[in-house]
């Protein structure tokens, strides 16, 4: 995959049909906290009420078509030095380096966008090997296993925590 074809940009309402293609796929949303989208109206509402007002949620685009997202949410107050990272890509693009490229772009710019930010954290379920590889290829460090840490889709699950510091190098 030519990395020049991959870009990040804010979501637009006109992304709704492309967004729904991947947000309606249970394989994509399996490890996400939000549920699979079931209608165009639901997808439109999500883009308008969640994605667009989010402090840093970008559409991962291939030739400017939305094929996923990357989200970086800074904590508030004393936790403002930390932010949580999340991302997903349409299944038809898995294994092509798109999530890795998109996350590299995000990490390279987010510390400029949030000058108080020092640490990015990503929580990944133990069984989500693809996501673990993406983080490691970007330069995130695996810090450890958090047993019964994250609640997702009705279950409390084991999570692996990864971090990337503002002083780390994107690989």
C-alpha atoms as a PDB file:
ATOM      1  CA  UNK A   1       0.000   0.000   0.000  1.00  0.00           C
ATOM      2  CA  UNK A   2       1.359   3.405  -1.004  1.00  0.00           C
ATOM      3  CA  UNK A   3       1.426   5.472   2.216  1.00  0.00           C
ATOM      4  CA  UNK A   4       0.788   8.641   0.186  1.00  0.00           C
ATOM      5  CA  UNK A   5      -2.780   7.396  -0.406  1.00  0.00           C
ATOM      6  CA  UNK A   6      -3.491   7.367   3.359  1.00  0.00           C
ATOM      7  CA  UNK A   7      -4.546  10.514   5.188  1.00  0.00           C
ATOM      8  CA  UNK A   8      -6.297  11.607   8.358  1.00  0.00           C
ATOM      9  CA  UNK A   9      -8.957  14.288   8.447  1.00  0.00           C
ATOM     10  CA  UNK A  10     -11.941  15.273  10.590  1.00  0.00           C
ATOM     11  CA  UNK A  11     -15.138  13.377   9.878  1.00  0.00           C
ATOM     12  CA  UNK A  12     -17.764  14.955   7.639  1.00  0.00           C
ATOM     13  CA  UNK A  13     -21.466  14.134   7.434  1.00  0.00           C
ATOM     14  CA  UNK A  14     -20.855  13.108   3.829  1.00  0.00           C
ATOM     15  CA  UNK A  15     -18.714  10.204   5.144  1.00  0.00           C
ATOM     16  CA  UNK A  16     -21.851   8.420   6.355  1.00  0.00           C
ATOM     17  CA  UNK A  17     -22.075   5.747   3.627  1.00  0.00           C
ATOM     18  CA  UNK A  18     -18.384   4.804   3.775  1.00  0.00           C
ATOM     19  CA  UNK A  19     -18.472   4.948   7.587  1.00  0.00           C
ATOM     20  CA  UNK A  20     -21.472   2.613   7.687  1.00  0.00           C
ATOM     21  CA  UNK A  21     -19.667   0.060   5.494  1.00  0.00           C
ATOM     22  CA  UNK A  22     -17.036  -0.613   8.144  1.00  0.00           C
ATOM     23  CA  UNK A  23     -18.955   0.434  11.290  1.00  0.00           C
ATOM     24  CA  UNK A  24     -21.640  -2.155  10.487  1.00  0.00           C
ATOM     25  CA  UNK A  25     -19.098  -5.004  10.410  1.00  0.00           C
ATOM     26  CA  UNK A  26     -19.002  -7.039  13.643  1.00  0.00           C
ATOM     27  CA  UNK A  27     -15.387  -8.005  12.921  1.00  0.00           C
ATOM     28  CA  UNK A  28     -14.379  -4.315  12.988  1.00  0.00           C
ATOM     29  CA  UNK A  29     -16.370  -3.430  16.117  1.00  0.00           C
ATOM     30  CA  UNK A  30     -15.556  -6.623  18.021  1.00  0.00           C
ATOM     31  CA  UNK A  31     -12.986  -4.939  20.278  1.00  0.00           C
ATOM     32  CA  UNK A  32     -14.547  -1.451  20.274  1.00  0.00           C
ATOM     33  CA  UNK A  33     -16.611  -0.074  23.125  1.00  0.00           C
ATOM     34  CA  UNK A  34     -19.345   1.051  20.766  1.00  0.00           C
ATOM     35  CA  UNK A  35     -21.730  -1.335  19.095  1.00  0.00           C
ATOM     36  CA  UNK A  36     -21.990  -2.251  15.447  1.00  0.00           C
ATOM     37  CA  UNK A  37     -24.038   0.316  13.511  1.00  0.00           C
ATOM     38  CA  UNK A  38     -27.226  -1.044  11.987  1.00  0.00           C
ATOM     39  CA  UNK A  39     -28.619   1.878   9.960  1.00  0.00           C
ATOM     40  CA  UNK A  40     -27.610   4.946   7.986  1.00  0.00           C
ATOM     41  CA  UNK A  41     -29.506   7.123  10.492  1.00  0.00           C
ATOM     42  CA  UNK A  42     -27.577   5.640  13.415  1.00  0.00           C
ATOM     43  CA  UNK A  43     -24.274   6.173  11.588  1.00  0.00           C
ATOM     44  CA  UNK A  44     -25.182   9.772  10.719  1.00  0.00           C
ATOM     45  CA  UNK A  45     -26.113  10.505  14.335  1.00  0.00           C
ATOM     46  CA  UNK A  46     -22.830   8.965  15.534  1.00  0.00           C
ATOM     47  CA  UNK A  47     -20.759  11.088  13.147  1.00  0.00           C
ATOM     48  CA  UNK A  48     -22.646  14.244  14.088  1.00  0.00           C
ATOM     49  CA  UNK A  49     -22.896  13.741  17.871  1.00  0.00           C
ATOM     50  CA  UNK A  50     -19.752  11.720  18.686  1.00  0.00           C
ATOM     51  CA  UNK A  51     -17.107  11.819  15.950  1.00  0.00           C
ATOM     52  CA  UNK A  52     -17.288  15.468  14.895  1.00  0.00           C
ATOM     53  CA  UNK A  53     -17.324  17.073  18.389  1.00  0.00           C
ATOM     54  CA  UNK A  54     -14.606  14.703  19.705  1.00  0.00           C
ATOM     55  CA  UNK A  55     -11.379  16.544  20.652  1.00  0.00           C
ATOM     56  CA  UNK A  56      -9.246  14.424  18.268  1.00  0.00           C
ATOM     57  CA  UNK A  57     -11.064  11.771  16.241  1.00  0.00           C
ATOM     58  CA  UNK A  58      -9.994  11.508  12.626  1.00  0.00           C
ATOM     59  CA  UNK A  59     -11.236   9.519   9.696  1.00  0.00           C
ATOM     60  CA  UNK A  60      -8.584   7.238   8.242  1.00  0.00           C
ATOM     61  CA  UNK A  61      -8.931   7.848   4.525  1.00  0.00           C
ATOM     62  CA  UNK A  62      -7.708   5.961   1.501  1.00  0.00           C
ATOM     63  CA  UNK A  63      -7.866   8.301  -1.470  1.00  0.00           C
ATOM     64  CA  UNK A  64     -10.101  10.514   0.753  1.00  0.00           C
ATOM     65  CA  UNK A  65     -12.694   7.751   1.396  1.00  0.00           C
ATOM     66  CA  UNK A  66     -13.312   6.907   5.054  1.00  0.00           C
ATOM     67  CA  UNK A  67     -12.116   3.381   5.830  1.00  0.00           C
ATOM     68  CA  UNK A  68     -11.577   3.668   9.584  1.00  0.00           C
ATOM     69  CA  UNK A  69     -10.777   6.006  12.419  1.00  0.00           C
ATOM     70  CA  UNK A  70      -8.111   6.952  14.913  1.00  0.00           C
ATOM     71  CA  UNK A  71      -9.044   8.618  18.176  1.00  0.00           C
ATOM     72  CA  UNK A  72      -6.906  10.290  20.793  1.00  0.00           C
ATOM     73  CA  UNK A  73      -8.758  11.455  23.896  1.00  0.00           C
ATOM     74  CA  UNK A  74      -6.816  13.486  26.454  1.00  0.00           C
ATOM     75  CA  UNK A  75      -7.813  13.067  30.073  1.00  0.00           C
ATOM     76  CA  UNK A  76      -8.877  16.129  32.025  1.00  0.00           C
ATOM     77  CA  UNK A  77      -7.527  17.822  35.120  1.00  0.00           C
ATOM     78  CA  UNK A  78      -4.401  16.300  36.627  1.00  0.00           C
ATOM     79  CA  UNK A  79      -4.558  13.526  33.999  1.00  0.00           C
ATOM     80  CA  UNK A  80      -4.137  16.028  31.156  1.00  0.00           C
ATOM     81  CA  UNK A  81      -0.638  14.716  30.501  1.00  0.00           C
ATOM     82  CA  UNK A  82      -2.182  11.425  29.284  1.00  0.00           C
ATOM     83  CA  UNK A  83      -4.437  10.471  26.392  1.00  0.00           C
ATOM     84  CA  UNK A  84      -6.119   7.254  25.302  1.00  0.00           C
ATOM     85  CA  UNK A  85      -5.670   5.932  21.779  1.00  0.00           C
ATOM     86  CA  UNK A  86      -8.171   3.920  19.770  1.00  0.00           C
ATOM     87  CA  UNK A  87      -8.458   2.962  16.118  1.00  0.00           C
ATOM     88  CA  UNK A  88     -10.151   0.639  13.665  1.00  0.00           C
ATOM     89  CA  UNK A  89      -9.925  -0.119   9.949  1.00  0.00           C
ATOM     90  CA  UNK A  90     -12.349  -1.828   7.556  1.00  0.00           C
ATOM     91  CA  UNK A  91     -11.654  -5.572   7.320  1.00  0.00           C
ATOM     92  CA  UNK A  92     -10.900  -5.412   3.593  1.00  0.00           C
ATOM     93  CA  UNK A  93      -7.835  -3.293   4.436  1.00  0.00           C
ATOM     94  CA  UNK A  94      -6.477  -5.399   7.309  1.00  0.00           C
ATOM     95  CA  UNK A  95      -2.875  -6.523   6.965  1.00  0.00           C
ATOM     96  CA  UNK A  96      -1.900  -3.785   4.490  1.00  0.00           C
ATOM     97  CA  UNK A  97      -0.160  -1.425   6.933  1.00  0.00           C
ATOM     98  CA  UNK A  98      -2.918   1.191   6.805  1.00  0.00           C
ATOM     99  CA  UNK A  99      -3.613   1.266  10.559  1.00  0.00           C
ATOM    100  CA  UNK A 100       0.124   1.461  11.225  1.00  0.00           C
ATOM    101  CA  UNK A 101       0.581   4.359   8.797  1.00  0.00           C
ATOM    102  CA  UNK A 102      -2.469   6.183  10.164  1.00  0.00           C
ATOM    103  CA  UNK A 103      -1.316   5.788  13.763  1.00  0.00           C
ATOM    104  CA  UNK A 104       2.160   7.051  12.848  1.00  0.00           C
ATOM    105  CA  UNK A 105       0.568  10.154  11.298  1.00  0.00           C
ATOM    106  CA  UNK A 106      -1.592  10.662  14.397  1.00  0.00           C
ATOM    107  CA  UNK A 107       1.254  10.233  16.883  1.00  0.00           C
ATOM    108  CA  UNK A 108       3.470  12.587  14.873  1.00  0.00           C
ATOM    109  CA  UNK A 109       0.933  15.412  15.120  1.00  0.00           C
ATOM    110  CA  UNK A 110      -0.992  14.937  18.373  1.00  0.00           C
ATOM    111  CA  UNK A 111       1.814  16.089  20.683  1.00  0.00           C
ATOM    112  CA  UNK A 112       1.843  19.400  18.761  1.00  0.00           C
ATOM    113  CA  UNK A 113      -1.949  19.690  18.991  1.00  0.00           C
ATOM    114  CA  UNK A 114      -1.917  19.073  22.757  1.00  0.00           C
ATOM    115  CA  UNK A 115       1.278  20.673  24.157  1.00  0.00           C
ATOM    116  CA  UNK A 116       0.655  19.395  27.724  1.00  0.00           C
ATOM    117  CA  UNK A 117       0.426  15.817  26.506  1.00  0.00           C
ATOM    118  CA  UNK A 118       3.323  13.574  27.550  1.00  0.00           C
ATOM    119  CA  UNK A 119       1.939  10.045  27.312  1.00  0.00           C
ATOM    120  CA  UNK A 120      -0.344   8.112  24.980  1.00  0.00           C
ATOM    121  CA  UNK A 121      -1.920   4.914  26.279  1.00  0.00           C
ATOM    122  CA  UNK A 122      -3.558   2.111  24.355  1.00  0.00           C
ATOM    123  CA  UNK A 123      -5.468  -0.736  25.967  1.00  0.00           C
ATOM    124  CA  UNK A 124      -5.698  -3.846  23.815  1.00  0.00           C
ATOM    125  CA  UNK A 125      -7.512  -7.062  24.559  1.00  0.00           C
ATOM    126  CA  UNK A 126      -5.237 -10.059  24.965  1.00  0.00           C
ATOM    127  CA  UNK A 127      -6.693 -11.782  21.891  1.00  0.00           C
ATOM    128  CA  UNK A 128      -6.380  -8.777  19.575  1.00  0.00           C
ATOM    129  CA  UNK A 129      -3.005  -9.719  18.072  1.00  0.00           C
ATOM    130  CA  UNK A 130      -3.363  -7.500  15.000  1.00  0.00           C
ATOM    131  CA  UNK A 131      -3.796  -4.382  17.094  1.00  0.00           C
ATOM    132  CA  UNK A 132      -0.842  -5.328  19.277  1.00  0.00           C
ATOM    133  CA  UNK A 133       1.340  -5.604  16.152  1.00  0.00           C
ATOM    134  CA  UNK A 134       0.172  -2.185  14.922  1.00  0.00           C
ATOM    135  CA  UNK A 135       1.141  -0.511  18.200  1.00  0.00           C
ATOM    136  CA  UNK A 136       4.528  -2.219  18.309  1.00  0.00           C
ATOM    137  CA  UNK A 137       5.296  -1.236  14.682  1.00  0.00           C
ATOM    138  CA  UNK A 138       4.566   2.405  15.542  1.00  0.00           C
ATOM    139  CA  UNK A 139       6.897   2.308  18.558  1.00  0.00           C
ATOM    140  CA  UNK A 140       4.507   1.838  21.491  1.00  0.00           C
ATOM    141  CA  UNK A 141       5.971  -0.175  24.369  1.00  0.00           C
ATOM    142  CA  UNK A 142       4.081  -3.020  26.020  1.00  0.00           C
ATOM    143  CA  UNK A 143       3.968  -2.263  29.728  1.00  0.00           C
ATOM    144  CA  UNK A 144       2.011  -5.196  31.049  1.00  0.00           C
ATOM    145  CA  UNK A 145      -1.126  -7.209  31.500  1.00  0.00           C
ATOM    146  CA  UNK A 146      -4.078  -5.685  33.323  1.00  0.00           C
ATOM    147  CA  UNK A 147      -6.188  -8.590  34.533  1.00  0.00           C
ATOM    148  CA  UNK A 148      -9.972  -8.182  34.353  1.00  0.00           C
ATOM    149  CA  UNK A 149      -9.474  -4.507  33.536  1.00  0.00           C
ATOM    150  CA  UNK A 150     -11.726  -3.465  30.671  1.00  0.00           C
ATOM    151  CA  UNK A 151     -15.475  -3.788  30.294  1.00  0.00           C
ATOM    152  CA  UNK A 152     -16.488  -4.439  26.696  1.00  0.00           C
ATOM    153  CA  UNK A 153     -19.646  -5.877  25.178  1.00  0.00           C
ATOM    154  CA  UNK A 154     -20.954  -7.210  28.487  1.00  0.00           C
ATOM    155  CA  UNK A 155     -17.719  -8.793  29.746  1.00  0.00           C
ATOM    156  CA  UNK A 156     -14.822  -7.743  31.922  1.00  0.00           C
ATOM    157  CA  UNK A 157     -11.715  -8.601  29.935  1.00  0.00           C
ATOM    158  CA  UNK A 158      -7.959  -8.834  30.353  1.00  0.00           C
ATOM    159  CA  UNK A 159      -6.142  -5.952  28.660  1.00  0.00           C
ATOM    160  CA  UNK A 160      -2.557  -5.226  27.691  1.00  0.00           C
ATOM    161  CA  UNK A 161      -1.441  -1.654  28.226  1.00  0.00           C
ATOM    162  CA  UNK A 162       0.892   0.047  25.751  1.00  0.00           C
ATOM    163  CA  UNK A 163       2.418   3.503  25.985  1.00  0.00           C
ATOM    164  CA  UNK A 164       4.133   6.034  23.778  1.00  0.00           C
ATOM    165  CA  UNK A 165       5.854   9.069  25.291  1.00  0.00           C
ATOM    166  CA  UNK A 166       6.367  12.444  23.672  1.00  0.00           C
ATOM    167  CA  UNK A 167      10.120  11.754  23.811  1.00  0.00           C
ATOM    168  CA  UNK A 168       9.804   8.392  21.997  1.00  0.00           C
ATOM    169  CA  UNK A 169      10.590   8.016  18.310  1.00  0.00           C
ATOM    170  CA  UNK A 170       7.942   6.926  15.837  1.00  0.00           C
ATOM    171  CA  UNK A 171       9.393   3.871  14.078  1.00  0.00           C
END
